[in-house]
Amino acid sequence: MPAPRKIIIDTDPGQDDAVAILLALASPELEILGITAVAGNVPLKLTEKNARKICELAGKPETKVFAGAVRPLVRELETAEHVHGQSGLNGPQLPDPTMKLQEQHAVDFIVETLMREESGAVTLCPLGPLTNIALALIREPQIAPRIREIVLMGGGFFEGGNVTPTAEFNIYVDPHAADIVLKSGIPIVMMPLDVTHKALTTAKRVAAFRELGTRVGVATAEMLEFFERFDEEKYGTDGGPLHDPCVIAYLLKPEFFKGRRCNVTVETSSELTIGMTVADWWGVTKREKNVTYMRDIDHEGFFALLVERLGRL
């Protein structure tokens, strides 16, 4: 078996973040160097706590969790308790974590890790607003060529937005950070709403997690049942999109996804469309192709992988 792929998960848990973290913790192909928390779905004091709750749920309290940016670069923080609940992880009753939060700031951890590890060895997996990643790039520009790849959940073009008519939440919360990351020259794979909206947590799929009969399986089912209610009401679907696990699934099974290289630019100044990711899918501009933009997913394979891996925890 090849050496595990080294990753840093940057996250704002969030039920779908939690499932992504569980998938990574259950997969021996991945070595999680650390989990860095950012303000997003809920404030930082909850996202870092939720990350630790998930590590303990998975039986992996040795995982290192770091707290990062408390707010976006320029704008005021906007959170999403109306989707995720007041704790960010509404659904299951998870105990407060006993594992310690690392003392080092998340941005310092990202920079130090990338400067220490072999160049091209570490993949960054942002599941929330890109504030920590942008701050790391500002703090030490030399990290950019050392990053193997950034695989992120964010954006949307054909599906429009989910927090405004044009903007997806993660990019909308910190469009200036997204702008820095998209202009960094680092290889980027983007999992936008265009792909995640094809990965729906149907009643049958949620039942498959519950039928695992484990603490992780039941907690996952409870998280998804809470999380999906908002999108079911909005879109009139059976289940809601399961966004963030697409990032980890791509590392494990890239063949589940289809997309193309194109330019993606983020709007940072328009009141009407701030946070919009403008994907030049048809190549109508001369702008450089900076992103592998995913548009399709093998959703059956994706959910089968989730159930099989979470069943190991």
Protein backbone atom coordinates (compact mmCIF):
# COMPACT_ATOMS: atom_id res chain seq x y z
CA MET A 1 0.00 0.00 0.00
CA PRO A 2 1.41 3.46 -0.87
CA ALA A 3 2.27 5.84 1.97
CA PRO A 4 -0.80 7.69 3.28
CA ARG A 5 -1.49 11.08 1.71
CA LYS A 6 -0.73 13.86 4.21
CA ILE A 7 -3.57 16.34 4.68
CA ILE A 8 -4.64 19.28 6.82
CA ILE A 9 -8.41 19.67 7.18
CA ASP A 10 -9.52 23.30 7.62
CA THR A 11 -13.09 23.32 8.84
CA ASP A 12 -16.05 25.06 10.51
CA PRO A 13 -18.17 22.11 11.78
CA GLY A 14 -21.17 21.93 10.78
CA GLN A 15 -22.83 18.54 10.31
CA ASP A 16 -21.50 18.00 6.77
CA ASP A 17 -18.00 18.99 7.97
CA ALA A 18 -18.39 16.40 10.72
CA VAL A 19 -19.17 13.64 8.21
CA ALA A 20 -16.15 14.71 6.13
CA ILE A 21 -13.88 14.53 9.21
CA LEU A 22 -15.29 11.10 10.13
CA LEU A 23 -14.62 9.85 6.58
CA ALA A 24 -11.01 11.07 6.76
CA LEU A 25 -10.45 9.57 10.23
CA ALA A 26 -11.81 6.22 8.99
CA SER A 27 -9.54 6.08 5.91
CA PRO A 28 -6.01 4.66 6.24
CA GLU A 29 -5.06 6.18 2.87
CA LEU A 30 -5.00 9.59 4.60
CA GLU A 31 -2.72 10.91 7.35
CA ILE A 32 -4.36 13.87 9.09
CA LEU A 33 -1.50 16.10 10.25
CA GLY A 34 -3.97 18.39 11.98
CA ILE A 35 -7.47 19.85 11.90
CA THR A 36 -7.64 23.65 11.84
CA ALA A 37 -10.87 25.36 12.86
CA VAL A 38 -12.17 28.60 11.36
CA ALA A 39 -15.21 30.77 12.10
CA GLY A 40 -18.00 30.06 9.62
CA ASN A 41 -21.13 27.98 10.17
CA VAL A 42 -20.90 29.05 13.83
CA PRO A 43 -18.33 31.19 15.71
CA LEU A 44 -14.78 29.89 16.28
CA LYS A 45 -15.30 28.90 19.91
CA LEU A 46 -17.90 26.40 18.70
CA THR A 47 -16.16 25.19 15.52
CA GLU A 48 -12.97 24.24 17.40
CA LYS A 49 -15.03 22.52 20.10
CA ASN A 50 -17.11 20.68 17.47
CA ALA A 51 -13.97 19.45 15.69
CA ARG A 52 -12.78 17.92 18.97
CA LYS A 53 -16.22 16.39 19.63
CA ILE A 54 -16.04 14.62 16.26
CA CYS A 55 -12.52 13.30 16.88
CA GLU A 56 -13.70 11.83 20.18
CA LEU A 57 -16.85 10.39 18.55
CA ALA A 58 -14.55 8.63 16.06
CA GLY A 59 -12.35 7.31 18.90
CA LYS A 60 -9.39 9.40 17.66
CA PRO A 61 -8.66 11.85 20.52
CA GLU A 62 -4.95 11.92 19.58
CA THR A 63 -5.85 14.05 16.50
CA LYS A 64 -4.44 17.57 16.80
CA VAL A 65 -7.02 20.38 16.59
CA PHE A 66 -6.00 24.04 16.28
CA ALA A 67 -8.10 27.22 16.50
CA GLY A 68 -7.63 29.81 13.76
CA ALA A 69 -9.31 32.95 12.49
CA VAL A 70 -12.13 34.35 14.59
CA ARG A 71 -13.55 36.44 11.70
CA PRO A 72 -13.14 37.03 7.95
CA LEU A 73 -10.35 39.23 6.54
CA VAL A 74 -12.52 42.27 5.75
CA ARG A 75 -16.20 41.64 6.35
CA GLU A 76 -18.10 40.97 9.56
CA LEU A 77 -18.69 37.29 10.28
CA GLU A 78 -22.01 35.87 9.09
CA THR A 79 -22.94 32.48 10.53
CA ALA A 80 -25.53 29.81 9.67
CA GLU A 81 -27.22 28.68 12.88
CA HIS A 82 -30.53 28.62 10.95
CA VAL A 83 -29.09 25.65 9.02
CA HIS A 84 -26.81 23.93 11.55
CA GLY A 85 -28.50 24.80 14.86
CA GLN A 86 -27.14 26.87 17.75
CA SER A 87 -24.25 24.49 18.47
CA GLY A 88 -23.38 23.93 14.80
CA LEU A 89 -23.83 20.19 15.40
CA ASN A 90 -27.48 19.96 16.39
CA GLY A 91 -29.00 16.50 16.09
CA PRO A 92 -27.09 14.04 18.29
CA GLN A 93 -26.28 14.64 21.95
CA LEU A 94 -22.47 14.68 21.87
CA PRO A 95 -20.59 15.21 25.15
CA ASP A 96 -18.23 18.15 25.60
CA PRO A 97 -14.74 17.07 24.52
CA THR A 98 -12.05 16.18 27.03
CA MET A 99 -9.20 16.26 24.49
CA LYS A 100 -7.21 19.47 24.63
CA LEU A 101 -7.17 22.19 21.99
CA GLN A 102 -3.60 22.77 20.76
CA GLU A 103 -2.08 26.03 21.98
CA GLN A 104 -0.53 26.97 18.62
CA HIS A 105 -2.61 29.19 16.32
CA ALA A 106 -3.96 27.33 13.28
CA VAL A 107 -2.29 29.70 10.80
CA ASP A 108 1.12 29.18 12.44
CA PHE A 109 0.53 25.42 12.38
CA ILE A 110 -0.29 25.49 8.65
CA VAL A 111 2.81 27.57 7.83
CA GLU A 112 5.19 25.57 10.05
CA THR A 113 3.89 22.23 8.77
CA LEU A 114 4.22 23.21 5.11
CA MET A 115 7.74 24.57 5.64
CA ARG A 116 8.78 21.44 7.57
CA GLU A 117 7.26 18.70 5.41
CA GLU A 118 8.74 17.79 2.05
CA SER A 119 7.66 20.18 -0.71
CA GLY A 120 4.60 18.81 -2.51
CA ALA A 121 3.73 16.37 0.28
CA VAL A 122 0.78 18.12 1.96
CA THR A 123 -2.74 18.62 0.60
CA LEU A 124 -5.00 21.27 2.17
CA CYS A 125 -8.68 20.37 2.52
CA PRO A 126 -10.73 23.49 3.32
CA LEU A 127 -14.37 22.76 4.17
CA GLY A 128 -15.35 26.28 5.29
CA PRO A 129 -14.46 29.92 4.63
CA LEU A 130 -10.88 30.26 3.35
CA THR A 131 -9.69 32.74 6.00
CA ASN A 132 -7.03 30.51 7.61
CA ILE A 133 -5.58 29.50 4.23
CA ALA A 134 -5.41 33.09 3.00
CA LEU A 135 -3.80 34.26 6.24
CA ALA A 136 -1.18 31.52 5.95
CA LEU A 137 -0.39 32.60 2.36
CA ILE A 138 -0.10 36.23 3.49
CA ARG A 139 2.09 35.31 6.45
CA GLU A 140 4.51 33.11 4.48
CA PRO A 141 4.19 33.30 0.66
CA GLN A 142 6.87 30.58 0.34
CA ILE A 143 4.30 27.95 1.33
CA ALA A 144 2.39 28.30 -1.98
CA PRO A 145 4.70 26.20 -4.19
CA ARG A 146 5.11 23.65 -1.38
CA ILE A 147 1.38 22.74 -1.29
CA ARG A 148 0.60 19.60 -3.30
CA GLU A 149 -2.99 20.64 -3.93
CA ILE A 150 -5.94 22.45 -2.37
CA VAL A 151 -9.18 20.46 -2.57
CA LEU A 152 -11.98 22.67 -1.31
CA MET A 153 -15.73 22.80 -0.96
CA GLY A 154 -17.09 26.12 -2.10
CA GLY A 155 -18.67 28.13 -4.85
CA GLY A 156 -21.31 27.39 -7.40
CA PHE A 157 -22.13 28.62 -10.87
CA PHE A 158 -24.78 26.59 -12.70
CA GLU A 159 -26.71 26.04 -9.44
CA GLY A 160 -26.45 29.68 -8.37
CA GLY A 161 -25.91 30.37 -4.68
CA ASN A 162 -27.31 29.01 -1.43
CA VAL A 163 -26.97 32.08 0.79
CA THR A 164 -27.65 34.76 -1.84
CA PRO A 165 -28.97 34.17 -5.39
CA THR A 166 -25.36 34.05 -6.64
CA ALA A 167 -23.10 33.11 -3.70
CA GLU A 168 -22.34 29.86 -1.88
CA PHE A 169 -21.90 30.24 1.90
CA ASN A 170 -18.18 29.40 2.32
CA ILE A 171 -17.07 31.86 -0.35
CA TYR A 172 -19.63 34.50 0.65
CA VAL A 173 -18.45 34.57 4.28
CA ASP A 174 -14.90 35.53 3.22
CA PRO A 175 -14.75 36.42 -0.49
CA HIS A 176 -11.47 38.31 -0.02
CA ALA A 177 -9.80 35.18 1.37
CA ALA A 178 -11.19 33.15 -1.54
CA ASP A 179 -9.78 35.73 -3.96
CA ILE A 180 -6.29 35.32 -2.45
CA VAL A 181 -6.47 31.52 -2.65
CA LEU A 182 -7.80 31.47 -6.22
CA LYS A 183 -5.00 33.80 -7.35
CA SER A 184 -2.26 31.87 -5.51
CA GLY A 185 -1.15 29.65 -8.39
CA ILE A 186 -1.60 26.54 -6.20
CA PRO A 187 -3.31 23.56 -7.93
CA ILE A 188 -6.96 23.78 -6.83
CA VAL A 189 -9.82 21.28 -7.09
CA MET A 190 -13.20 22.86 -6.35
CA MET A 191 -16.31 21.01 -5.17
CA PRO A 192 -19.06 23.58 -5.85
CA LEU A 193 -22.81 23.37 -5.30
CA ASP A 194 -22.99 22.14 -8.92
CA VAL A 195 -21.61 18.80 -7.73
CA THR A 196 -22.74 18.68 -4.07
CA HIS A 197 -26.39 19.25 -5.01
CA LYS A 198 -26.22 15.86 -6.78
CA ALA A 199 -25.26 14.11 -3.50
CA LEU A 200 -28.57 14.05 -1.62
CA THR A 201 -29.08 12.50 1.83
CA THR A 202 -32.24 10.58 0.92
CA ALA A 203 -34.23 8.85 3.67
CA LYS A 204 -32.84 5.49 2.47
CA ARG A 205 -29.24 6.74 2.66
CA VAL A 206 -29.70 8.20 6.15
CA ALA A 207 -31.25 4.88 7.26
CA ALA A 208 -28.11 3.06 6.04
CA PHE A 209 -26.00 5.07 8.54
CA ARG A 210 -28.42 4.32 11.37
CA GLU A 211 -28.44 0.63 10.47
CA LEU A 212 -24.69 0.46 11.14
CA GLY A 213 -25.87 0.30 14.76
CA THR A 214 -22.72 2.02 16.02
CA ARG A 215 -22.36 5.26 17.95
CA VAL A 216 -20.86 6.90 14.85
CA GLY A 217 -23.59 5.54 12.56
CA VAL A 218 -26.48 6.67 14.76
CA ALA A 219 -24.90 10.10 15.44
CA THR A 220 -24.35 10.59 11.69
CA ALA A 221 -27.99 9.75 10.95
CA GLU A 222 -29.13 12.20 13.65
CA MET A 223 -26.85 14.95 12.30
CA LEU A 224 -28.08 14.47 8.74
CA GLU A 225 -31.74 14.39 9.74
CA PHE A 226 -31.31 17.76 11.45
CA PHE A 227 -29.14 19.25 8.70
CA GLU A 228 -31.28 18.19 5.73
CA ARG A 229 -34.55 19.70 6.99
CA PHE A 230 -33.53 23.22 5.85
CA ASP A 231 -32.63 22.20 2.29
CA GLU A 232 -35.59 19.82 1.94
CA GLU A 233 -37.89 22.75 2.68
CA LYS A 234 -35.98 25.09 0.33
CA TYR A 235 -35.50 22.74 -2.64
CA GLY A 236 -38.42 20.33 -2.15
CA THR A 237 -36.08 17.32 -2.39
CA ASP A 238 -35.83 13.99 -0.56
CA GLY A 239 -32.79 14.88 1.55
CA GLY A 240 -30.35 17.76 1.37
CA PRO A 241 -26.97 18.12 -0.35
CA LEU A 242 -24.02 16.59 1.53
CA HIS A 243 -21.34 19.13 0.63
CA ASP A 244 -18.09 18.73 2.54
CA PRO A 245 -17.52 14.95 2.40
CA CYS A 246 -17.09 15.38 -1.39
CA VAL A 247 -13.63 16.84 -0.64
CA ILE A 248 -12.43 13.76 1.27
CA ALA A 249 -14.17 11.35 -1.12
CA TYR A 250 -12.25 12.94 -4.00
CA LEU A 251 -8.93 12.12 -2.30
CA LEU A 252 -10.02 8.50 -1.88
CA LYS A 253 -11.93 7.96 -5.15
CA PRO A 254 -11.21 10.71 -7.69
CA GLU A 255 -12.96 8.61 -10.34
CA PHE A 256 -16.29 9.41 -8.62
CA PHE A 257 -16.05 13.00 -9.91
CA LYS A 258 -16.05 14.70 -13.31
CA GLY A 259 -15.22 18.27 -14.17
CA ARG A 260 -12.82 20.39 -16.20
CA ARG A 261 -10.03 22.92 -15.88
CA CYS A 262 -11.31 26.47 -16.14
CA ASN A 263 -10.82 29.93 -14.70
CA VAL A 264 -12.72 30.76 -11.52
CA THR A 265 -12.76 34.32 -10.20
CA VAL A 266 -14.60 35.55 -7.11
CA GLU A 267 -16.59 38.78 -6.93
CA THR A 268 -15.40 40.93 -4.02
CA SER A 269 -16.94 44.37 -4.59
CA SER A 270 -20.51 44.16 -5.92
CA GLU A 271 -23.22 44.51 -3.28
CA LEU A 272 -25.52 42.41 -5.43
CA THR A 273 -23.21 39.49 -6.22
CA ILE A 274 -20.40 39.56 -3.61
CA GLY A 275 -19.00 36.06 -3.09
CA MET A 276 -20.10 34.81 -6.51
CA THR A 277 -17.66 32.37 -8.11
CA VAL A 278 -17.57 33.19 -11.81
CA ALA A 279 -16.58 29.95 -13.54
CA ASP A 280 -15.48 30.37 -17.16
CA TRP A 281 -16.73 26.86 -18.00
CA TRP A 282 -16.96 27.55 -21.74
CA GLY A 283 -13.61 29.36 -21.98
CA VAL A 284 -15.02 32.63 -23.27
CA THR A 285 -12.33 34.76 -21.59
CA LYS A 286 -8.55 34.72 -21.88
CA ARG A 287 -8.24 34.29 -18.10
CA GLU A 288 -5.84 31.57 -16.99
CA LYS A 289 -7.33 28.19 -16.01
CA ASN A 290 -6.69 28.08 -12.26
CA VAL A 291 -9.16 25.47 -10.99
CA THR A 292 -10.32 21.93 -11.70
CA TYR A 293 -14.04 22.66 -11.37
CA MET A 294 -16.16 19.60 -10.61
CA ARG A 295 -19.67 19.26 -11.97
CA ASP A 296 -20.69 15.58 -11.69
CA ILE A 297 -20.53 12.85 -9.06
CA ASP A 298 -21.21 9.11 -8.87
CA HIS A 299 -23.62 9.66 -5.96
CA GLU A 300 -24.33 5.96 -5.44
CA GLY A 301 -20.62 5.18 -5.15
CA PHE A 302 -20.13 8.21 -2.90
CA PHE A 303 -22.74 7.13 -0.33
CA ALA A 304 -21.60 3.50 -0.47
CA LEU A 305 -18.07 4.67 0.37
CA LEU A 306 -19.35 6.81 3.27
CA VAL A 307 -21.34 3.99 4.83
CA GLU A 308 -18.53 1.46 4.39
CA ARG A 309 -15.88 3.75 5.90
CA LEU A 310 -17.95 5.16 8.76
CA GLY A 311 -18.83 1.54 9.60
CA ARG A 312 -15.15 1.01 10.49
CA LEU A 313 -15.20 3.58 13.31
